[in-house]
Amino acid sequence: MPYWDHGDWGNGWLMGLLGLISMVVLWGGLIAVVVLLLRRFTPPARGGGDRVGDNNSALRILDERFAHGEIDEEEYQRRRDSLRR
């Protein structure tokens, strides 16, 4: 019997377990790298809900500035039209 063989089950289950763990780590790492690369190099979505929220927020701030007298009516109308485009 060779020195690395420890009987019928000695190394078999251990090598199988290590193989399983290494495959999970390998595939998990590959999937993680692909996801990170896709997030890094994919442009953000356009026209989503965040943009609408930002526009409403900008209009609210513009309304407040006009109400406090920080800008006149002409500038208010010009900026409001610009935001609504």
PDB file of N, CA and C in Angstrom:
ATOM      1  N   MET A   1       0.848  -1.175   0.000  1.00  0.00           N
ATOM      2  CA  MET A   1       0.000   0.000   0.000  1.00  0.00           C
ATOM      3  C   MET A   1       0.899   1.247   0.000  1.00  0.00           C
ATOM      4  N   PRO A   2       0.655   2.174  -0.935  1.00  0.00           N
ATOM      5  CA  PRO A   2       1.466   3.398  -0.983  1.00  0.00           C
ATOM      6  C   PRO A   2       1.252   4.249   0.270  1.00  0.00           C
ATOM      7  N   TYR A   3       2.209   5.116   0.557  1.00  0.00           N
ATOM      8  CA  TYR A   3       2.149   5.887   1.790  1.00  0.00           C
ATOM      9  C   TYR A   3       1.025   6.933   1.783  1.00  0.00           C
ATOM     10  N   TRP A   4       0.531   7.354   0.622  1.00  0.00           N
ATOM     11  CA  TRP A   4      -0.537   8.348   0.589  1.00  0.00           C
ATOM     12  C   TRP A   4      -1.930   7.729   0.685  1.00  0.00           C
ATOM     13  N   ASP A   5      -2.024   6.439   0.590  1.00  0.00           N
ATOM     14  CA  ASP A   5      -3.313   5.767   0.674  1.00  0.00           C
ATOM     15  C   ASP A   5      -3.561   5.350   2.110  1.00  0.00           C
ATOM     16  N   HIS A   6      -4.624   5.877   2.724  1.00  0.00           N
ATOM     17  CA  HIS A   6      -4.925   5.602   4.125  1.00  0.00           C
ATOM     18  C   HIS A   6      -6.143   4.701   4.263  1.00  0.00           C
ATOM     19  N   GLY A   7      -6.329   3.825   3.373  1.00  0.00           N
ATOM     20  CA  GLY A   7      -7.456   2.919   3.461  1.00  0.00           C
ATOM     21  C   GLY A   7      -8.505   3.216   2.405  1.00  0.00           C
ATOM     22  N   ASP A   8      -9.659   2.616   2.604  1.00  0.00           N
ATOM     23  CA  ASP A   8     -10.723   2.728   1.613  1.00  0.00           C
ATOM     24  C   ASP A   8     -11.347   4.123   1.547  1.00  0.00           C
ATOM     25  N   TRP A   9     -11.499   4.812   2.657  1.00  0.00           N
ATOM     26  CA  TRP A   9     -12.210   6.087   2.651  1.00  0.00           C
ATOM     27  C   TRP A   9     -11.337   7.259   3.085  1.00  0.00           C
ATOM     28  N   GLY A  10     -10.098   7.041   3.423  1.00  0.00           N
ATOM     29  CA  GLY A  10      -9.217   8.057   3.992  1.00  0.00           C
ATOM     30  C   GLY A  10      -9.133   9.346   3.193  1.00  0.00           C
ATOM     31  N   ASN A  11      -8.719   9.279   1.958  1.00  0.00           N
ATOM     32  CA  ASN A  11      -8.559  10.495   1.161  1.00  0.00           C
ATOM     33  C   ASN A  11      -9.725  10.735   0.217  1.00  0.00           C
ATOM     34  N   GLY A  12     -10.517   9.759  -0.054  1.00  0.00           N
ATOM     35  CA  GLY A  12     -11.584   9.891  -1.034  1.00  0.00           C
ATOM     36  C   GLY A  12     -12.587  10.975  -0.702  1.00  0.00           C
ATOM     37  N   TRP A  13     -13.154  10.941   0.491  1.00  0.00           N
ATOM     38  CA  TRP A  13     -14.160  11.941   0.858  1.00  0.00           C
ATOM     39  C   TRP A  13     -13.532  13.308   1.065  1.00  0.00           C
ATOM     40  N   LEU A  14     -12.291  13.345   1.586  1.00  0.00           N
ATOM     41  CA  LEU A  14     -11.617  14.619   1.808  1.00  0.00           C
ATOM     42  C   LEU A  14     -11.305  15.296   0.473  1.00  0.00           C
ATOM     43  N   MET A  15     -10.806  14.536  -0.483  1.00  0.00           N
ATOM     44  CA  MET A  15     -10.503  15.112  -1.798  1.00  0.00           C
ATOM     45  C   MET A  15     -11.793  15.539  -2.508  1.00  0.00           C
ATOM     46  N   GLY A  16     -12.856  14.777  -2.340  1.00  0.00           N
ATOM     47  CA  GLY A  16     -14.136  15.155  -2.926  1.00  0.00           C
ATOM     48  C   GLY A  16     -14.664  16.451  -2.328  1.00  0.00           C
ATOM     49  N   LEU A  17     -14.544  16.587  -1.019  1.00  0.00           N
ATOM     50  CA  LEU A  17     -14.990  17.801  -0.341  1.00  0.00           C
ATOM     51  C   LEU A  17     -14.161  19.008  -0.770  1.00  0.00           C
ATOM     52  N   LEU A  18     -12.846  18.836  -0.832  1.00  0.00           N
ATOM     53  CA  LEU A  18     -11.986  19.934  -1.283  1.00  0.00           C
ATOM     54  C   LEU A  18     -12.280  20.308  -2.738  1.00  0.00           C
ATOM     55  N   GLY A  19     -12.560  19.314  -3.558  1.00  0.00           N
ATOM     56  CA  GLY A  19     -12.914  19.590  -4.953  1.00  0.00           C
ATOM     57  C   GLY A  19     -14.220  20.371  -5.048  1.00  0.00           C
ATOM     58  N   LEU A  20     -15.201  19.976  -4.246  1.00  0.00           N
ATOM     59  CA  LEU A  20     -16.478  20.678  -4.236  1.00  0.00           C
ATOM     60  C   LEU A  20     -16.311  22.130  -3.779  1.00  0.00           C
ATOM     61  N   ILE A  21     -15.576  22.323  -2.704  1.00  0.00           N
ATOM     62  CA  ILE A  21     -15.342  23.677  -2.189  1.00  0.00           C
ATOM     63  C   ILE A  21     -14.603  24.530  -3.209  1.00  0.00           C
ATOM     64  N   SER A  22     -13.586  23.959  -3.841  1.00  0.00           N
ATOM     65  CA  SER A  22     -12.822  24.734  -4.824  1.00  0.00           C
ATOM     66  C   SER A  22     -13.682  25.098  -6.030  1.00  0.00           C
ATOM     67  N   MET A  23     -14.591  24.226  -6.455  1.00  0.00           N
ATOM     68  CA  MET A  23     -15.465  24.545  -7.579  1.00  0.00           C
ATOM     69  C   MET A  23     -16.449  25.659  -7.215  1.00  0.00           C
ATOM     70  N   VAL A  24     -16.986  25.610  -5.994  1.00  0.00           N
ATOM     71  CA  VAL A  24     -17.897  26.666  -5.549  1.00  0.00           C
ATOM     72  C   VAL A  24     -17.172  28.011  -5.505  1.00  0.00           C
ATOM     73  N   VAL A  25     -15.956  28.012  -4.979  1.00  0.00           N
ATOM     74  CA  VAL A  25     -15.168  29.248  -4.911  1.00  0.00           C
ATOM     75  C   VAL A  25     -14.833  29.740  -6.317  1.00  0.00           C
ATOM     76  N   LEU A  26     -14.443  28.837  -7.205  1.00  0.00           N
ATOM     77  CA  LEU A  26     -14.099  29.212  -8.577  1.00  0.00           C
ATOM     78  C   LEU A  26     -15.288  29.830  -9.293  1.00  0.00           C
ATOM     79  N   TRP A  27     -16.437  29.137  -9.302  1.00  0.00           N
ATOM     80  CA  TRP A  27     -17.606  29.655 -10.003  1.00  0.00           C
ATOM     81  C   TRP A  27     -18.157  30.913  -9.334  1.00  0.00           C
ATOM     82  N   GLY A  28     -18.135  30.949  -8.029  1.00  0.00           N
ATOM     83  CA  GLY A  28     -18.577  32.164  -7.326  1.00  0.00           C
ATOM     84  C   GLY A  28     -17.704  33.360  -7.658  1.00  0.00           C
ATOM     85  N   GLY A  29     -16.400  33.134  -7.714  1.00  0.00           N
ATOM     86  CA  GLY A  29     -15.486  34.216  -8.074  1.00  0.00           C
ATOM     87  C   GLY A  29     -15.683  34.687  -9.507  1.00  0.00           C
ATOM     88  N   LEU A  30     -15.867  33.741 -10.425  1.00  0.00           N
ATOM     89  CA  LEU A  30     -16.094  34.121 -11.820  1.00  0.00           C
ATOM     90  C   LEU A  30     -17.390  34.904 -11.986  1.00  0.00           C
ATOM     91  N   ILE A  31     -18.438  34.466 -11.326  1.00  0.00           N
ATOM     92  CA  ILE A  31     -19.715  35.184 -11.406  1.00  0.00           C
ATOM     93  C   ILE A  31     -19.586  36.577 -10.797  1.00  0.00           C
ATOM     94  N   ALA A  32     -18.885  36.688  -9.685  1.00  0.00           N
ATOM     95  CA  ALA A  32     -18.686  37.992  -9.052  1.00  0.00           C
ATOM     96  C   ALA A  32     -17.904  38.935  -9.963  1.00  0.00           C
ATOM     97  N   VAL A  33     -16.879  38.431 -10.624  1.00  0.00           N
ATOM     98  CA  VAL A  33     -16.094  39.266 -11.539  1.00  0.00           C
ATOM     99  C   VAL A  33     -16.952  39.742 -12.704  1.00  0.00           C
ATOM    100  N   VAL A  34     -17.767  38.858 -13.266  1.00  0.00           N
ATOM    101  CA  VAL A  34     -18.636  39.246 -14.389  1.00  0.00           C
ATOM    102  C   VAL A  34     -19.634  40.315 -13.943  1.00  0.00           C
ATOM    103  N   VAL A  35     -20.251  40.142 -12.776  1.00  0.00           N
ATOM    104  CA  VAL A  35     -21.214  41.124 -12.280  1.00  0.00           C
ATOM    105  C   VAL A  35     -20.535  42.470 -12.054  1.00  0.00           C
ATOM    106  N   LEU A  36     -19.366  42.466 -11.449  1.00  0.00           N
ATOM    107  CA  LEU A  36     -18.649  43.719 -11.203  1.00  0.00           C
ATOM    108  C   LEU A  36     -18.260  44.407 -12.512  1.00  0.00           C
ATOM    109  N   LEU A  37     -17.818  43.636 -13.493  1.00  0.00           N
ATOM    110  CA  LEU A  37     -17.466  44.229 -14.785  1.00  0.00           C
ATOM    111  C   LEU A  37     -18.696  44.810 -15.486  1.00  0.00           C
ATOM    112  N   LEU A  38     -19.810  44.103 -15.410  1.00  0.00           N
ATOM    113  CA  LEU A  38     -21.037  44.631 -16.024  1.00  0.00           C
ATOM    114  C   LEU A  38     -21.486  45.917 -15.350  1.00  0.00           C
ATOM    115  N   ARG A  39     -21.403  45.965 -14.037  1.00  0.00           N
ATOM    116  CA  ARG A  39     -21.781  47.192 -13.320  1.00  0.00           C
ATOM    117  C   ARG A  39     -20.846  48.342 -13.665  1.00  0.00           C
ATOM    118  N   ARG A  40     -19.582  48.021 -13.843  1.00  0.00           N
ATOM    119  CA  ARG A  40     -18.580  49.066 -14.095  1.00  0.00           C
ATOM    120  C   ARG A  40     -18.707  49.655 -15.493  1.00  0.00           C
ATOM    121  N   PHE A  41     -18.968  48.809 -16.492  1.00  0.00           N
ATOM    122  CA  PHE A  41     -18.912  49.264 -17.877  1.00  0.00           C
ATOM    123  C   PHE A  41     -20.277  49.413 -18.549  1.00  0.00           C
ATOM    124  N   THR A  42     -21.361  49.228 -17.825  1.00  0.00           N
ATOM    125  CA  THR A  42     -22.678  49.423 -18.403  1.00  0.00           C
ATOM    126  C   THR A  42     -23.170  50.817 -18.048  1.00  0.00           C
ATOM    127  N   PRO A  43     -23.647  51.573 -19.037  1.00  0.00           N
ATOM    128  CA  PRO A  43     -24.137  52.925 -18.723  1.00  0.00           C
ATOM    129  C   PRO A  43     -25.400  52.864 -17.882  1.00  0.00           C
ATOM    130  N   PRO A  44     -25.619  53.859 -17.047  1.00  0.00           N
ATOM    131  CA  PRO A  44     -26.829  53.870 -16.228  1.00  0.00           C
ATOM    132  C   PRO A  44     -28.077  54.024 -17.097  1.00  0.00           C
ATOM    133  N   ALA A  45     -29.182  53.533 -16.597  1.00  0.00           N
ATOM    134  CA  ALA A  45     -30.447  53.624 -17.341  1.00  0.00           C
ATOM    135  C   ALA A  45     -30.876  55.080 -17.454  1.00  0.00           C
ATOM    136  N   ARG A  46     -31.434  55.422 -18.599  1.00  0.00           N
ATOM    137  CA  ARG A  46     -31.895  56.799 -18.814  1.00  0.00           C
ATOM    138  C   ARG A  46     -33.396  56.877 -18.656  1.00  0.00           C
ATOM    139  N   GLY A  47     -33.852  58.004 -18.170  1.00  0.00           N
ATOM    140  CA  GLY A  47     -35.277  58.261 -18.086  1.00  0.00           C
ATOM    141  C   GLY A  47     -36.010  57.444 -17.047  1.00  0.00           C
ATOM    142  N   GLY A  48     -35.306  56.950 -16.056  1.00  0.00           N
ATOM    143  CA  GLY A  48     -35.951  56.150 -15.028  1.00  0.00           C
ATOM    144  C   GLY A  48     -36.626  57.009 -13.984  1.00  0.00           C
ATOM    145  N   GLY A  49     -37.058  56.379 -12.915  1.00  0.00           N
ATOM    146  CA  GLY A  49     -37.772  57.078 -11.858  1.00  0.00           C
ATOM    147  C   GLY A  49     -36.924  58.107 -11.143  1.00  0.00           C
ATOM    148  N   ASP A  50     -35.624  57.896 -11.060  1.00  0.00           N
ATOM    149  CA  ASP A  50     -34.770  58.851 -10.365  1.00  0.00           C
ATOM    150  C   ASP A  50     -34.758  60.195 -11.082  1.00  0.00           C
ATOM    151  N   ARG A  51     -34.760  60.156 -12.384  1.00  0.00           N
ATOM    152  CA  ARG A  51     -34.715  61.410 -13.138  1.00  0.00           C
ATOM    153  C   ARG A  51     -35.981  62.219 -12.901  1.00  0.00           C
ATOM    154  N   VAL A  52     -37.122  61.575 -12.853  1.00  0.00           N
ATOM    155  CA  VAL A  52     -38.371  62.275 -12.583  1.00  0.00           C
ATOM    156  C   VAL A  52     -38.334  62.877 -11.189  1.00  0.00           C
ATOM    157  N   GLY A  53     -37.838  62.132 -10.219  1.00  0.00           N
ATOM    158  CA  GLY A  53     -37.732  62.651  -8.864  1.00  0.00           C
ATOM    159  C   GLY A  53     -36.805  63.842  -8.785  1.00  0.00           C
ATOM    160  N   ASP A  54     -35.688  63.795  -9.520  1.00  0.00           N
ATOM    161  CA  ASP A  54     -34.759  64.923  -9.539  1.00  0.00           C
ATOM    162  C   ASP A  54     -35.403  66.140 -10.153  1.00  0.00           C
ATOM    163  N   ASN A  55     -36.188  65.962 -11.216  1.00  0.00           N
ATOM    164  CA  ASN A  55     -36.837  67.076 -11.880  1.00  0.00           C
ATOM    165  C   ASN A  55     -37.864  67.713 -10.954  1.00  0.00           C
ATOM    166  N   ASN A  56     -38.657  66.905 -10.264  1.00  0.00           N
ATOM    167  CA  ASN A  56     -39.644  67.435  -9.320  1.00  0.00           C
ATOM    168  C   ASN A  56     -38.961  68.178  -8.185  1.00  0.00           C
ATOM    169  N   SER A  57     -37.842  67.646  -7.737  1.00  0.00           N
ATOM    170  CA  SER A  57     -37.085  68.294  -6.672  1.00  0.00           C
ATOM    171  C   SER A  57     -36.546  69.643  -7.142  1.00  0.00           C
ATOM    172  N   ALA A  58     -36.058  69.686  -8.372  1.00  0.00           N
ATOM    173  CA  ALA A  58     -35.536  70.938  -8.913  1.00  0.00           C
ATOM    174  C   ALA A  58     -36.646  71.972  -9.060  1.00  0.00           C
ATOM    175  N   LEU A  59     -37.822  71.539  -9.508  1.00  0.00           N
ATOM    176  CA  LEU A  59     -38.955  72.460  -9.627  1.00  0.00           C
ATOM    177  C   LEU A  59     -39.391  72.980  -8.254  1.00  0.00           C
ATOM    178  N   ARG A  60     -39.350  72.112  -7.263  1.00  0.00           N
ATOM    179  CA  ARG A  60     -39.723  72.537  -5.907  1.00  0.00           C
ATOM    180  C   ARG A  60     -38.753  73.593  -5.380  1.00  0.00           C
ATOM    181  N   ILE A  61     -37.471  73.370  -5.615  1.00  0.00           N
ATOM    182  CA  ILE A  61     -36.458  74.333  -5.171  1.00  0.00           C
ATOM    183  C   ILE A  61     -36.629  75.654  -5.914  1.00  0.00           C
ATOM    184  N   LEU A  62     -36.918  75.568  -7.215  1.00  0.00           N
ATOM    185  CA  LEU A  62     -37.136  76.784  -8.000  1.00  0.00           C
ATOM    186  C   LEU A  62     -38.350  77.548  -7.479  1.00  0.00           C
ATOM    187  N   ASP A  63     -39.431  76.831  -7.171  1.00  0.00           N
ATOM    188  CA  ASP A  63     -40.615  77.473  -6.598  1.00  0.00           C
ATOM    189  C   ASP A  63     -40.286  78.178  -5.289  1.00  0.00           C
ATOM    190  N   GLU A  64     -39.498  77.537  -4.443  1.00  0.00           N
ATOM    191  CA  GLU A  64     -39.120  78.139  -3.161  1.00  0.00           C
ATOM    192  C   GLU A  64     -38.269  79.388  -3.371  1.00  0.00           C
ATOM    193  N   ARG A  65     -37.337  79.328  -4.299  1.00  0.00           N
ATOM    194  CA  ARG A  65     -36.496  80.502  -4.560  1.00  0.00           C
ATOM    195  C   ARG A  65     -37.335  81.679  -5.060  1.00  0.00           C
ATOM    196  N   PHE A  66     -38.318  81.392  -5.913  1.00  0.00           N
ATOM    197  CA  PHE A  66     -39.199  82.449  -6.406  1.00  0.00           C
ATOM    198  C   PHE A  66     -40.057  83.001  -5.264  1.00  0.00           C
ATOM    199  N   ALA A  67     -40.548  82.102  -4.414  1.00  0.00           N
ATOM    200  CA  ALA A  67     -41.384  82.534  -3.290  1.00  0.00           C
ATOM    201  C   ALA A  67     -40.605  83.396  -2.299  1.00  0.00           C
ATOM    202  N   HIS A  68     -39.333  83.123  -2.126  1.00  0.00           N
ATOM    203  CA  HIS A  68     -38.512  83.918  -1.198  1.00  0.00           C
ATOM    204  C   HIS A  68     -37.979  85.193  -1.833  1.00  0.00           C
ATOM    205  N   GLY A  69     -38.230  85.378  -3.115  1.00  0.00           N
ATOM    206  CA  GLY A  69     -37.786  86.600  -3.779  1.00  0.00           C
ATOM    207  C   GLY A  69     -36.337  86.559  -4.235  1.00  0.00           C
ATOM    208  N   GLU A  70     -35.737  85.397  -4.292  1.00  0.00           N
ATOM    209  CA  GLU A  70     -34.346  85.284  -4.723  1.00  0.00           C
ATOM    210  C   GLU A  70     -34.200  85.477  -6.234  1.00  0.00           C
ATOM    211  N   ILE A  71     -35.244  85.141  -6.995  1.00  0.00           N
ATOM    212  CA  ILE A  71     -35.218  85.311  -8.449  1.00  0.00           C
ATOM    213  C   ILE A  71     -36.510  86.018  -8.869  1.00  0.00           C
ATOM    214  N   ASP A  72     -36.436  86.746  -9.993  1.00  0.00           N
ATOM    215  CA  ASP A  72     -37.633  87.441 -10.467  1.00  0.00           C
ATOM    216  C   ASP A  72     -38.476  86.527 -11.346  1.00  0.00           C
ATOM    217  N   GLU A  73     -39.650  87.037 -11.765  1.00  0.00           N
ATOM    218  CA  GLU A  73     -40.595  86.204 -12.506  1.00  0.00           C
ATOM    219  C   GLU A  73     -40.044  85.777 -13.862  1.00  0.00           C
ATOM    220  N   GLU A  74     -39.312  86.646 -14.524  1.00  0.00           N
ATOM    221  CA  GLU A  74     -38.750  86.315 -15.840  1.00  0.00           C
ATOM    222  C   GLU A  74     -37.755  85.154 -15.732  1.00  0.00           C
ATOM    223  N   GLU A  75     -36.880  85.217 -14.751  1.00  0.00           N
ATOM    224  CA  GLU A  75     -35.908  84.135 -14.554  1.00  0.00           C
ATOM    225  C   GLU A  75     -36.607  82.850 -14.112  1.00  0.00           C
ATOM    226  N   TYR A  76     -37.624  83.007 -13.273  1.00  0.00           N
ATOM    227  CA  TYR A  76     -38.394  81.847 -12.826  1.00  0.00           C
ATOM    228  C   TYR A  76     -39.033  81.131 -14.017  1.00  0.00           C
ATOM    229  N   GLN A  77     -39.687  81.877 -14.893  1.00  0.00           N
ATOM    230  CA  GLN A  77     -40.342  81.282 -16.058  1.00  0.00           C
ATOM    231  C   GLN A  77     -39.323  80.602 -16.978  1.00  0.00           C
ATOM    232  N   ARG A  78     -38.195  81.258 -17.200  1.00  0.00           N
ATOM    233  CA  ARG A  78     -37.164  80.706 -18.078  1.00  0.00           C
ATOM    234  C   ARG A  78     -36.616  79.400 -17.518  1.00  0.00           C
ATOM    235  N   ARG A  79     -36.298  79.375 -16.246  1.00  0.00           N
ATOM    236  CA  ARG A  79     -35.742  78.149 -15.639  1.00  0.00           C
ATOM    237  C   ARG A  79     -36.788  77.041 -15.544  1.00  0.00           C
ATOM    238  N   ARG A  80     -38.042  77.394 -15.253  1.00  0.00           N
ATOM    239  CA  ARG A  80     -39.094  76.396 -15.178  1.00  0.00           C
ATOM    240  C   ARG A  80     -39.331  75.755 -16.544  1.00  0.00           C
ATOM    241  N   ASP A  81     -39.336  76.569 -17.588  1.00  0.00           N
ATOM    242  CA  ASP A  81     -39.494  76.018 -18.948  1.00  0.00           C
ATOM    243  C   ASP A  81     -38.327  75.119 -19.295  1.00  0.00           C
ATOM    244  N   SER A  82     -37.127  75.504 -18.891  1.00  0.00           N
ATOM    245  CA  SER A  82     -35.939  74.697 -19.164  1.00  0.00           C
ATOM    246  C   SER A  82     -36.015  73.344 -18.449  1.00  0.00           C
ATOM    247  N   LEU A  83     -36.497  73.351 -17.218  1.00  0.00           N
ATOM    248  CA  LEU A  83     -36.605  72.107 -16.452  1.00  0.00           C
ATOM    249  C   LEU A  83     -37.694  71.182 -16.994  1.00  0.00           C
ATOM    250  N   ARG A  84     -38.739  71.746 -17.546  1.00  0.00           N
ATOM    251  CA  ARG A  84     -39.847  70.926 -18.038  1.00  0.00           C
ATOM    252  C   ARG A  84     -39.590  70.317 -19.407  1.00  0.00           C
ATOM    253  N   ARG A  85     -38.555  70.738 -20.093  1.00  0.00           N
ATOM    254  CA  ARG A  85     -38.234  70.181 -21.405  1.00  0.00           C
ATOM    255  C   ARG A  85     -37.700  68.793 -21.305  1.00  0.00           C
TER     256      ARG A  85
END
